[in-house]
Amino acid sequence: MELIKKLKIITLIFFITFLCGCTNTNKWEVSLPNNYEIRRINNTTVVLGKLVEEKFVTEINGIKIGIEEYVSKFSYSNNYIAAMCIIPTDDKIDIKYYIVDSKNSNLYGPYDSEETYNKVKEKIVDENLGEWIDTIEKPQ
């Protein structure tokens, strides 16, 4: 039931932001460990990628190392980054979860449920990722 409430709130925030343009539309970026960044391209595009030779990329040699879906929330530690993404479909909004090992550029996911994400996180992440950080406004 808690997940349904979260989905409704995230959906509402996403559509208010998209339809009303109520938030700041400026582009921004937030530096993360090991040359990773979260970048807001516009009101509907927030992505996670890596700076490689001063170029922002989400894949290297055909291997996905970043996330192009709308990153609505993220958390991180010294070596790991977690992302919660909103993916609109024709009749609903899907939520997907990812984990990035930023030290080795390994991407895990997408996971369709918070439960699955938490199980995987417990097995592979040996650091505290902290609280989720919203991307509606530029994080501090």
N, C-alpha and C. Protein backbone atom coordinates (compact mmCIF):
# COMPACT_ATOMS: atom_id res chain seq x y z
N MET A 1 0.82 -1.19 0.00
CA MET A 1 0.00 0.00 0.00
C MET A 1 0.87 1.26 0.00
N GLU A 2 1.97 1.22 0.74
CA GLU A 2 2.89 2.36 0.81
C GLU A 2 3.43 2.70 -0.57
N LEU A 3 3.75 1.69 -1.37
CA LEU A 3 4.27 1.91 -2.71
C LEU A 3 3.24 2.62 -3.59
N ILE A 4 1.98 2.26 -3.45
CA ILE A 4 0.92 2.90 -4.23
C ILE A 4 0.83 4.38 -3.88
N LYS A 5 0.94 4.72 -2.61
CA LYS A 5 0.93 6.13 -2.19
C LYS A 5 2.10 6.88 -2.79
N LYS A 6 3.29 6.26 -2.74
CA LYS A 6 4.48 6.89 -3.31
C LYS A 6 4.32 7.12 -4.81
N LEU A 7 3.78 6.12 -5.50
CA LEU A 7 3.57 6.24 -6.94
C LEU A 7 2.62 7.38 -7.26
N LYS A 8 1.54 7.50 -6.50
CA LYS A 8 0.58 8.58 -6.73
C LYS A 8 1.22 9.94 -6.51
N ILE A 9 2.02 10.07 -5.46
CA ILE A 9 2.69 11.35 -5.18
C ILE A 9 3.70 11.68 -6.26
N ILE A 10 4.51 10.71 -6.65
CA ILE A 10 5.51 10.94 -7.70
C ILE A 10 4.83 11.30 -9.01
N THR A 11 3.76 10.59 -9.34
CA THR A 11 3.03 10.87 -10.57
C THR A 11 2.46 12.29 -10.55
N LEU A 12 1.87 12.68 -9.44
CA LEU A 12 1.30 14.01 -9.30
C LEU A 12 2.38 15.08 -9.47
N ILE A 13 3.50 14.90 -8.79
CA ILE A 13 4.61 15.87 -8.90
C ILE A 13 5.12 15.95 -10.32
N PHE A 14 5.29 14.81 -10.96
CA PHE A 14 5.79 14.77 -12.33
C PHE A 14 4.86 15.52 -13.28
N PHE A 15 3.58 15.25 -13.20
CA PHE A 15 2.64 15.90 -14.11
C PHE A 15 2.45 17.38 -13.82
N ILE A 16 2.48 17.76 -12.57
CA ILE A 16 2.41 19.19 -12.24
C ILE A 16 3.63 19.91 -12.81
N THR A 17 4.79 19.31 -12.62
CA THR A 17 6.02 19.89 -13.15
C THR A 17 5.96 19.98 -14.67
N PHE A 18 5.52 18.92 -15.31
CA PHE A 18 5.48 18.87 -16.77
C PHE A 18 4.43 19.82 -17.35
N LEU A 19 3.22 19.78 -16.84
CA LEU A 19 2.12 20.54 -17.41
C LEU A 19 2.15 22.03 -17.05
N CYS A 20 2.51 22.34 -15.83
CA CYS A 20 2.47 23.73 -15.37
C CYS A 20 3.79 24.46 -15.54
N GLY A 21 4.86 23.72 -15.66
CA GLY A 21 6.16 24.37 -15.71
C GLY A 21 6.42 25.15 -14.44
N CYS A 22 5.95 24.62 -13.30
CA CYS A 22 6.00 25.35 -12.03
C CYS A 22 7.39 25.42 -11.42
N THR A 23 8.31 24.60 -11.87
CA THR A 23 9.64 24.62 -11.27
C THR A 23 10.62 25.32 -12.19
N ASN A 24 11.76 25.59 -11.66
CA ASN A 24 12.83 26.22 -12.41
C ASN A 24 13.20 25.34 -13.60
N THR A 25 13.26 25.91 -14.79
CA THR A 25 13.56 25.12 -15.98
C THR A 25 15.03 25.17 -16.34
N ASN A 26 15.85 25.78 -15.51
CA ASN A 26 17.27 25.86 -15.80
C ASN A 26 17.91 24.48 -15.80
N LYS A 27 18.89 24.33 -16.66
CA LYS A 27 19.68 23.10 -16.67
C LYS A 27 20.60 23.14 -15.45
N TRP A 28 20.92 21.96 -14.93
CA TRP A 28 21.87 21.87 -13.84
C TRP A 28 22.54 20.52 -13.87
N GLU A 29 23.60 20.41 -13.09
CA GLU A 29 24.28 19.13 -12.94
C GLU A 29 24.79 19.01 -11.51
N VAL A 30 24.86 17.79 -11.03
CA VAL A 30 25.36 17.51 -9.70
C VAL A 30 26.46 16.46 -9.84
N SER A 31 27.64 16.79 -9.34
CA SER A 31 28.76 15.85 -9.39
C SER A 31 28.59 14.76 -8.35
N LEU A 32 28.88 13.54 -8.76
CA LEU A 32 28.79 12.37 -7.90
C LEU A 32 30.15 11.66 -7.92
N PRO A 33 30.33 10.63 -7.12
CA PRO A 33 31.63 9.95 -7.07
C PRO A 33 32.08 9.37 -8.42
N ASN A 34 33.38 9.32 -8.59
CA ASN A 34 34.02 8.65 -9.73
C ASN A 34 33.57 9.19 -11.09
N ASN A 35 33.46 10.51 -11.18
CA ASN A 35 33.13 11.23 -12.42
C ASN A 35 31.70 11.03 -12.91
N TYR A 36 30.81 10.50 -12.07
CA TYR A 36 29.40 10.40 -12.45
C TYR A 36 28.72 11.74 -12.17
N GLU A 37 27.64 12.00 -12.90
CA GLU A 37 26.85 13.21 -12.72
C GLU A 37 25.38 12.93 -12.95
N ILE A 38 24.54 13.66 -12.24
CA ILE A 38 23.10 13.73 -12.55
C ILE A 38 22.95 15.05 -13.29
N ARG A 39 22.30 15.04 -14.45
CA ARG A 39 22.10 16.26 -15.22
C ARG A 39 20.62 16.46 -15.54
N ARG A 40 20.17 17.67 -15.28
CA ARG A 40 18.83 18.06 -15.70
C ARG A 40 18.97 18.79 -17.03
N ILE A 41 18.39 18.20 -18.06
CA ILE A 41 18.46 18.76 -19.40
C ILE A 41 17.32 19.76 -19.61
N ASN A 42 16.13 19.41 -19.10
CA ASN A 42 14.94 20.27 -19.15
C ASN A 42 13.94 19.74 -18.13
N ASN A 43 12.71 20.24 -18.13
CA ASN A 43 11.70 19.82 -17.14
C ASN A 43 11.39 18.34 -17.17
N THR A 44 11.58 17.69 -18.29
CA THR A 44 11.20 16.29 -18.42
C THR A 44 12.38 15.36 -18.62
N THR A 45 13.61 15.86 -18.50
CA THR A 45 14.78 15.03 -18.73
C THR A 45 15.83 15.24 -17.64
N VAL A 46 15.99 14.23 -16.80
CA VAL A 46 17.05 14.21 -15.79
C VAL A 46 17.73 12.86 -15.94
N VAL A 47 19.02 12.86 -16.25
CA VAL A 47 19.74 11.63 -16.56
C VAL A 47 20.97 11.46 -15.68
N LEU A 48 21.47 10.24 -15.62
CA LEU A 48 22.68 9.91 -14.90
C LEU A 48 23.71 9.41 -15.90
N GLY A 49 24.89 10.00 -15.89
CA GLY A 49 25.94 9.57 -16.79
C GLY A 49 27.30 9.80 -16.16
N LYS A 50 28.32 9.58 -16.97
CA LYS A 50 29.70 9.68 -16.49
C LYS A 50 30.50 10.56 -17.42
N LEU A 51 31.39 11.36 -16.85
CA LEU A 51 32.32 12.15 -17.65
C LEU A 51 33.51 11.26 -18.01
N VAL A 52 33.66 11.04 -19.31
CA VAL A 52 34.77 10.24 -19.82
C VAL A 52 35.50 11.10 -20.85
N GLU A 53 36.73 11.45 -20.55
CA GLU A 53 37.51 12.34 -21.41
C GLU A 53 36.73 13.62 -21.70
N GLU A 54 36.14 14.19 -20.64
CA GLU A 54 35.39 15.44 -20.67
C GLU A 54 34.10 15.38 -21.50
N LYS A 55 33.63 14.18 -21.80
CA LYS A 55 32.38 13.99 -22.53
C LYS A 55 31.40 13.23 -21.63
N PHE A 56 30.16 13.71 -21.53
CA PHE A 56 29.12 13.07 -20.73
C PHE A 56 28.53 11.91 -21.52
N VAL A 57 28.64 10.68 -20.96
CA VAL A 57 28.16 9.50 -21.67
C VAL A 57 27.31 8.63 -20.75
N THR A 58 26.43 7.85 -21.37
CA THR A 58 25.63 6.89 -20.63
C THR A 58 25.95 5.46 -21.06
N GLU A 59 26.84 5.34 -22.04
CA GLU A 59 27.30 4.01 -22.44
C GLU A 59 28.71 4.10 -23.01
N ILE A 60 29.46 3.01 -22.85
CA ILE A 60 30.82 2.92 -23.37
C ILE A 60 30.93 1.60 -24.13
N ASN A 61 31.34 1.70 -25.39
CA ASN A 61 31.51 0.50 -26.23
C ASN A 61 30.27 -0.39 -26.22
N GLY A 62 29.10 0.23 -26.28
CA GLY A 62 27.85 -0.51 -26.32
C GLY A 62 27.37 -1.04 -24.98
N ILE A 63 28.10 -0.74 -23.91
CA ILE A 63 27.71 -1.20 -22.57
C ILE A 63 27.14 -0.01 -21.81
N LYS A 64 25.92 -0.19 -21.32
CA LYS A 64 25.22 0.87 -20.59
C LYS A 64 25.86 1.08 -19.22
N ILE A 65 26.29 2.33 -18.95
CA ILE A 65 26.90 2.66 -17.65
C ILE A 65 26.11 3.77 -16.94
N GLY A 66 25.11 4.30 -17.60
CA GLY A 66 24.29 5.37 -17.04
C GLY A 66 22.83 5.11 -17.30
N ILE A 67 22.01 6.11 -16.98
CA ILE A 67 20.56 5.96 -17.09
C ILE A 67 19.99 7.13 -17.86
N GLU A 68 19.24 6.82 -18.92
CA GLU A 68 18.63 7.86 -19.75
C GLU A 68 17.17 8.11 -19.40
N GLU A 69 16.57 7.22 -18.58
CA GLU A 69 15.21 7.45 -18.13
C GLU A 69 15.20 8.65 -17.18
N TYR A 70 14.02 9.21 -16.92
CA TYR A 70 13.89 10.36 -16.03
C TYR A 70 14.23 9.94 -14.60
N VAL A 71 15.36 10.43 -14.09
CA VAL A 71 15.79 10.13 -12.73
C VAL A 71 15.05 11.08 -11.79
N SER A 72 14.08 10.55 -11.05
CA SER A 72 13.28 11.40 -10.16
C SER A 72 13.89 11.53 -8.78
N LYS A 73 14.66 10.51 -8.38
CA LYS A 73 15.34 10.53 -7.08
C LYS A 73 16.63 9.74 -7.21
N PHE A 74 17.59 10.10 -6.36
CA PHE A 74 18.83 9.34 -6.33
C PHE A 74 19.40 9.38 -4.92
N SER A 75 20.31 8.47 -4.65
CA SER A 75 21.07 8.47 -3.41
C SER A 75 22.45 7.94 -3.77
N TYR A 76 23.42 8.20 -2.91
CA TYR A 76 24.77 7.77 -3.26
C TYR A 76 25.66 7.66 -2.04
N SER A 77 26.78 6.98 -2.26
CA SER A 77 27.83 6.84 -1.26
C SER A 77 29.15 7.08 -1.98
N ASN A 78 30.25 6.63 -1.41
CA ASN A 78 31.55 6.83 -2.05
C ASN A 78 31.70 6.08 -3.37
N ASN A 79 31.06 4.92 -3.48
CA ASN A 79 31.24 4.09 -4.67
C ASN A 79 29.95 3.66 -5.36
N TYR A 80 28.80 3.93 -4.77
CA TYR A 80 27.53 3.47 -5.35
C TYR A 80 26.55 4.61 -5.52
N ILE A 81 25.73 4.48 -6.56
CA ILE A 81 24.67 5.45 -6.82
C ILE A 81 23.39 4.65 -7.07
N ALA A 82 22.32 5.04 -6.43
CA ALA A 82 21.01 4.42 -6.68
C ALA A 82 20.13 5.45 -7.36
N ALA A 83 19.27 4.99 -8.25
CA ALA A 83 18.36 5.90 -8.96
C ALA A 83 16.97 5.31 -9.02
N MET A 84 15.98 6.18 -8.80
CA MET A 84 14.57 5.83 -8.99
C MET A 84 14.12 6.60 -10.22
N CYS A 85 13.62 5.88 -11.21
CA CYS A 85 13.26 6.52 -12.48
C CYS A 85 11.77 6.40 -12.75
N ILE A 86 11.23 7.45 -13.36
CA ILE A 86 9.83 7.48 -13.79
C ILE A 86 9.80 7.24 -15.29
N ILE A 87 9.01 6.25 -15.69
CA ILE A 87 8.91 5.91 -17.11
C ILE A 87 7.44 5.93 -17.50
N PRO A 88 6.99 7.01 -18.18
CA PRO A 88 5.59 7.07 -18.59
C PRO A 88 5.30 6.08 -19.73
N THR A 89 4.17 5.40 -19.63
CA THR A 89 3.70 4.56 -20.73
C THR A 89 2.35 5.11 -21.17
N ASP A 90 1.71 4.46 -22.11
CA ASP A 90 0.44 4.96 -22.63
C ASP A 90 -0.64 5.08 -21.56
N ASP A 91 -0.67 4.13 -20.63
CA ASP A 91 -1.78 4.11 -19.67
C ASP A 91 -1.37 4.21 -18.20
N LYS A 92 -0.07 4.35 -17.92
CA LYS A 92 0.36 4.43 -16.52
C LYS A 92 1.78 4.97 -16.43
N ILE A 93 2.26 5.08 -15.23
CA ILE A 93 3.63 5.49 -14.95
C ILE A 93 4.34 4.31 -14.29
N ASP A 94 5.46 3.88 -14.85
CA ASP A 94 6.25 2.82 -14.25
C ASP A 94 7.39 3.43 -13.44
N ILE A 95 7.74 2.78 -12.35
CA ILE A 95 8.88 3.17 -11.54
C ILE A 95 9.92 2.07 -11.67
N LYS A 96 11.15 2.44 -12.00
CA LYS A 96 12.25 1.49 -12.12
C LYS A 96 13.38 1.94 -11.20
N TYR A 97 14.10 0.97 -10.67
CA TYR A 97 15.22 1.24 -9.77
C TYR A 97 16.51 0.71 -10.38
N TYR A 98 17.59 1.43 -10.17
CA TYR A 98 18.90 1.04 -10.66
C TYR A 98 19.93 1.22 -9.54
N ILE A 99 21.02 0.47 -9.64
CA ILE A 99 22.19 0.66 -8.78
C ILE A 99 23.40 0.73 -9.70
N VAL A 100 24.25 1.72 -9.46
CA VAL A 100 25.48 1.86 -10.24
C VAL A 100 26.66 1.69 -9.30
N ASP A 101 27.55 0.78 -9.66
CA ASP A 101 28.85 0.68 -8.99
C ASP A 101 29.74 1.67 -9.73
N SER A 102 29.86 2.88 -9.20
CA SER A 102 30.56 3.95 -9.94
C SER A 102 32.06 3.70 -10.04
N LYS A 103 32.60 2.92 -9.14
CA LYS A 103 34.04 2.62 -9.18
C LYS A 103 34.38 1.76 -10.40
N ASN A 104 33.49 0.81 -10.72
CA ASN A 104 33.73 -0.11 -11.83
C ASN A 104 32.82 0.15 -13.04
N SER A 105 31.96 1.17 -12.96
CA SER A 105 31.01 1.51 -14.03
C SER A 105 30.06 0.37 -14.36
N ASN A 106 29.66 -0.39 -13.34
CA ASN A 106 28.69 -1.47 -13.54
C ASN A 106 27.29 -0.97 -13.20
N LEU A 107 26.33 -1.25 -14.07
CA LEU A 107 24.94 -0.84 -13.89
C LEU A 107 24.10 -2.08 -13.60
N TYR A 108 23.35 -2.04 -12.51
CA TYR A 108 22.46 -3.13 -12.13
C TYR A 108 21.02 -2.64 -12.22
N GLY A 109 20.18 -3.42 -12.85
CA GLY A 109 18.78 -3.06 -13.01
C GLY A 109 18.42 -2.97 -14.47
N PRO A 110 17.22 -2.59 -14.77
CA PRO A 110 16.22 -2.00 -13.89
C PRO A 110 15.48 -3.06 -13.08
N TYR A 111 15.06 -2.64 -11.89
CA TYR A 111 14.24 -3.46 -11.01
C TYR A 111 12.86 -2.84 -10.95
N ASP A 112 11.85 -3.69 -11.09
CA ASP A 112 10.46 -3.23 -11.19
C ASP A 112 9.80 -2.92 -9.85
N SER A 113 10.43 -3.35 -8.76
CA SER A 113 9.82 -3.09 -7.45
C SER A 113 10.88 -2.63 -6.46
N GLU A 114 10.43 -1.87 -5.49
CA GLU A 114 11.33 -1.41 -4.44
C GLU A 114 11.84 -2.60 -3.62
N GLU A 115 11.00 -3.62 -3.49
CA GLU A 115 11.39 -4.82 -2.74
C GLU A 115 12.58 -5.52 -3.42
N THR A 116 12.50 -5.71 -4.72
CA THR A 116 13.60 -6.34 -5.46
C THR A 116 14.85 -5.48 -5.39
N TYR A 117 14.68 -4.19 -5.59
CA TYR A 117 15.81 -3.25 -5.49
C TYR A 117 16.50 -3.38 -4.13
N ASN A 118 15.72 -3.39 -3.05
CA ASN A 118 16.29 -3.48 -1.70
C ASN A 118 17.04 -4.79 -1.49
N LYS A 119 16.51 -5.90 -2.01
CA LYS A 119 17.19 -7.19 -1.88
C LYS A 119 18.53 -7.17 -2.59
N VAL A 120 18.57 -6.63 -3.80
CA VAL A 120 19.83 -6.56 -4.55
C VAL A 120 20.79 -5.61 -3.85
N LYS A 121 20.29 -4.48 -3.39
CA LYS A 121 21.13 -3.50 -2.69
C LYS A 121 21.81 -4.14 -1.48
N GLU A 122 21.06 -4.93 -0.72
CA GLU A 122 21.63 -5.59 0.46
C GLU A 122 22.77 -6.54 0.10
N LYS A 123 22.69 -7.16 -1.09
CA LYS A 123 23.71 -8.12 -1.50
C LYS A 123 24.96 -7.45 -2.08
N ILE A 124 24.80 -6.35 -2.82
CA ILE A 124 25.97 -5.81 -3.53
C ILE A 124 26.51 -4.51 -2.97
N VAL A 125 25.71 -3.74 -2.25
CA VAL A 125 26.16 -2.44 -1.75
C VAL A 125 26.62 -2.59 -0.31
N ASP A 126 27.89 -2.27 -0.07
CA ASP A 126 28.45 -2.42 1.27
C ASP A 126 28.63 -1.07 1.96
N GLU A 127 27.92 -0.06 1.48
CA GLU A 127 27.99 1.29 2.04
C GLU A 127 26.57 1.82 2.24
N ASN A 128 26.42 2.80 3.11
CA ASN A 128 25.13 3.43 3.32
C ASN A 128 24.88 4.44 2.21
N LEU A 129 23.80 4.27 1.46
CA LEU A 129 23.48 5.18 0.36
C LEU A 129 22.77 6.45 0.82
N GLY A 130 22.35 6.50 2.04
CA GLY A 130 21.66 7.69 2.53
C GLY A 130 20.22 7.75 2.04
N GLU A 131 19.60 8.90 2.27
CA GLU A 131 18.20 9.12 1.90
C GLU A 131 18.08 9.44 0.41
N TRP A 132 16.89 9.21 -0.14
CA TRP A 132 16.61 9.59 -1.52
C TRP A 132 16.64 11.12 -1.63
N ILE A 133 17.20 11.62 -2.73
CA ILE A 133 17.28 13.04 -3.01
C ILE A 133 16.43 13.33 -4.25
N ASP A 134 15.45 14.24 -4.13
CA ASP A 134 14.59 14.59 -5.26
C ASP A 134 15.35 15.40 -6.30
N THR A 135 14.94 15.27 -7.56
CA THR A 135 15.57 16.02 -8.63
C THR A 135 14.66 17.10 -9.22
N ILE A 136 13.53 17.38 -8.56
CA ILE A 136 12.63 18.40 -9.07
C ILE A 136 13.36 19.75 -9.10
N GLU A 137 14.07 20.06 -8.05
CA GLU A 137 14.93 21.23 -7.97
C GLU A 137 16.36 20.75 -7.88
N LYS A 138 17.33 21.60 -8.17
CA LYS A 138 18.72 21.21 -8.07
C LYS A 138 19.05 20.84 -6.62
N PRO A 139 19.55 19.61 -6.43
CA PRO A 139 19.95 19.21 -5.07
C PRO A 139 21.12 20.04 -4.56
N GLN A 140 21.17 20.24 -3.26
CA GLN A 140 22.25 21.02 -2.66
C GLN A 140 23.49 20.19 -2.44
